Protein backbone atom coordinates (compact mmCIF):
# COMPACT_ATOMS: atom_id res chain seq x y z
CA MET A 1 154.45 101.82 94.17
CA SER A 2 154.59 98.43 95.84
CA THR A 3 156.93 98.31 98.84
CA ARG A 4 157.40 94.60 98.12
CA LYS A 5 158.88 95.53 94.75
CA GLY A 6 161.09 98.37 95.93
CA GLY A 7 158.54 101.17 95.78
CA VAL A 8 157.68 103.59 98.56
CA GLY A 9 153.94 102.92 98.64
CA GLY A 10 151.34 105.42 97.59
CA ALA A 11 147.70 106.17 97.09
CA ILE A 12 145.20 105.64 94.31
CA VAL A 13 141.92 107.54 94.14
CA ASN A 14 139.31 106.27 91.72
CA ILE A 15 136.39 108.40 90.58
CA SER A 16 133.04 106.77 91.17
CA SER A 17 129.59 108.35 91.33
CA ARG A 18 126.58 108.34 93.61
CA ALA A 19 124.83 106.88 90.57
CA ALA A 20 126.39 103.54 91.56
CA GLN A 21 124.30 103.47 94.75
CA LEU A 22 121.25 105.35 93.45
CA GLY A 23 120.91 103.28 90.28
CA SER A 24 120.00 106.16 87.97
CA ALA A 25 116.86 104.35 86.83
CA GLY A 26 115.31 105.76 83.69
CA GLU A 27 118.24 108.03 82.96
CA TRP A 28 121.84 106.86 83.15
CA ILE A 29 121.77 103.21 84.20
CA HIS A 30 124.68 102.40 81.88
CA TYR A 31 126.75 105.06 83.68
CA ALA A 32 125.69 103.73 87.10
CA ILE A 33 126.76 100.21 86.14
CA THR A 34 130.29 101.32 85.24
CA LYS A 35 130.62 103.30 88.46
CA GLY A 36 129.47 100.26 90.44
CA ALA A 37 132.34 98.36 88.87
CA ILE A 38 134.73 101.08 90.04
CA ASP A 39 133.40 100.69 93.59
CA THR A 40 134.07 96.95 93.45
CA LEU A 41 137.56 97.54 92.04
CA THR A 42 138.29 100.07 94.80
CA ILE A 43 137.33 97.75 97.65
CA GLY A 44 138.96 94.65 96.18
CA LEU A 45 142.19 96.32 95.15
CA ALA A 46 142.46 98.13 98.52
CA ARG A 47 142.40 94.79 100.30
CA GLU A 48 144.80 93.24 97.82
CA VAL A 49 147.55 95.88 97.96
CA ALA A 50 147.28 97.29 101.49
CA GLY A 51 150.17 95.10 102.63
CA GLU A 52 152.31 96.64 99.90
CA GLY A 53 151.91 100.17 101.27
CA ILE A 54 149.28 101.21 98.75
CA ARG A 55 145.99 102.79 99.76
CA VAL A 56 143.07 102.65 97.32
CA ASN A 57 139.96 104.79 97.75
CA ALA A 58 137.28 106.37 95.61
CA VAL A 59 135.43 109.66 95.58
CA SER A 60 131.75 109.32 94.75
CA PRO A 61 130.44 112.67 93.49
CA GLY A 62 126.79 113.50 93.29
CA LEU A 63 125.44 116.07 90.87
CA VAL A 64 128.26 118.39 89.86
CA GLU A 65 128.29 121.51 87.71
CA THR A 66 129.99 120.09 84.61
CA GLU A 67 129.24 119.87 80.91
CA ILE A 68 128.28 116.18 81.08
CA HIS A 69 124.59 117.01 81.49
CA ALA A 70 124.38 119.25 78.44
CA GLU A 71 126.57 116.91 76.40
CA ALA A 72 124.17 114.07 77.24
CA GLY A 73 121.30 116.16 75.87
CA ASP A 74 119.79 117.48 79.12
CA PRO A 75 121.22 120.92 79.89
CA SER A 76 118.52 121.56 82.53
CA ARG A 77 119.24 118.33 84.44
CA LEU A 78 121.01 120.08 87.34
CA GLN A 79 118.15 122.52 87.84
CA ARG A 80 115.61 119.71 87.65
CA LEU A 81 117.36 117.50 90.21
CA SER A 82 118.86 120.08 92.60
CA SER A 83 115.75 120.15 94.79
CA GLY A 84 116.51 116.54 95.76
CA ILE A 85 119.91 117.46 97.19
CA PRO A 86 119.74 118.13 100.95
CA LEU A 87 122.27 120.97 100.67
CA GLY A 88 120.07 122.45 97.94
CA ARG A 89 122.62 122.77 95.15
CA ALA A 90 124.88 120.89 92.81
CA GLY A 91 128.54 120.59 93.72
CA LYS A 92 131.43 122.36 92.11
CA PRO A 93 134.35 120.51 90.51
CA GLU A 94 136.69 122.16 93.02
CA GLU A 95 134.80 120.53 95.89
CA ILE A 96 135.35 117.11 94.37
CA ALA A 97 139.02 117.91 93.80
CA GLU A 98 139.48 118.84 97.47
CA ALA A 99 138.22 115.41 98.54
CA ILE A 100 140.65 113.75 96.14
CA VAL A 101 143.54 115.85 97.44
CA TRP A 102 142.66 114.86 101.01
CA LEU A 103 142.56 111.15 100.16
CA LEU A 104 145.98 111.44 98.54
CA SER A 105 147.43 113.30 101.52
CA PRO A 106 149.12 112.02 104.67
CA ALA A 107 146.03 113.19 106.60
CA ALA A 108 144.22 110.15 105.13
CA ALA A 109 147.02 107.69 105.94
CA TYR A 110 144.64 105.28 107.71
CA VAL A 111 141.96 105.38 105.01
CA THR A 112 141.80 102.60 102.46
CA GLY A 113 138.92 100.80 100.76
CA ALA A 114 136.65 103.82 101.31
CA ILE A 115 134.13 105.20 98.88
CA LEU A 116 133.70 108.79 99.97
CA PRO A 117 130.38 110.40 98.98
CA VAL A 118 130.81 114.06 98.05
CA SER A 119 127.23 114.68 97.13
CA GLY A 120 125.55 117.33 99.24
CA GLY A 121 123.77 114.58 101.13
CA ARG A 122 122.14 112.95 98.09
């Protein structure tokens, strides 16, 4: 991708989580730690490769309707935590995907080093 090495530039979108900022105390702190590392990678790499025509951003989903909750042993987790989401519901995978598509698009050409919360306000 690097324009310095003959590439045409490009965009990278990492997948973080609101857990990185919220901490996930008492539940998923190990998950939050790894997502915090992704945030650091996103910001550092964005600054490192911007001059090579590469944009680096992250999407930071909140609670999303996926199997991760049930697979982690808490199938009612979304119902239990949804009341704490200002929009009143968990997100859908398609809503996260739309944010990723936007960050990869020319419409986001001036966006780099951003961690975009897609979390219903949580």
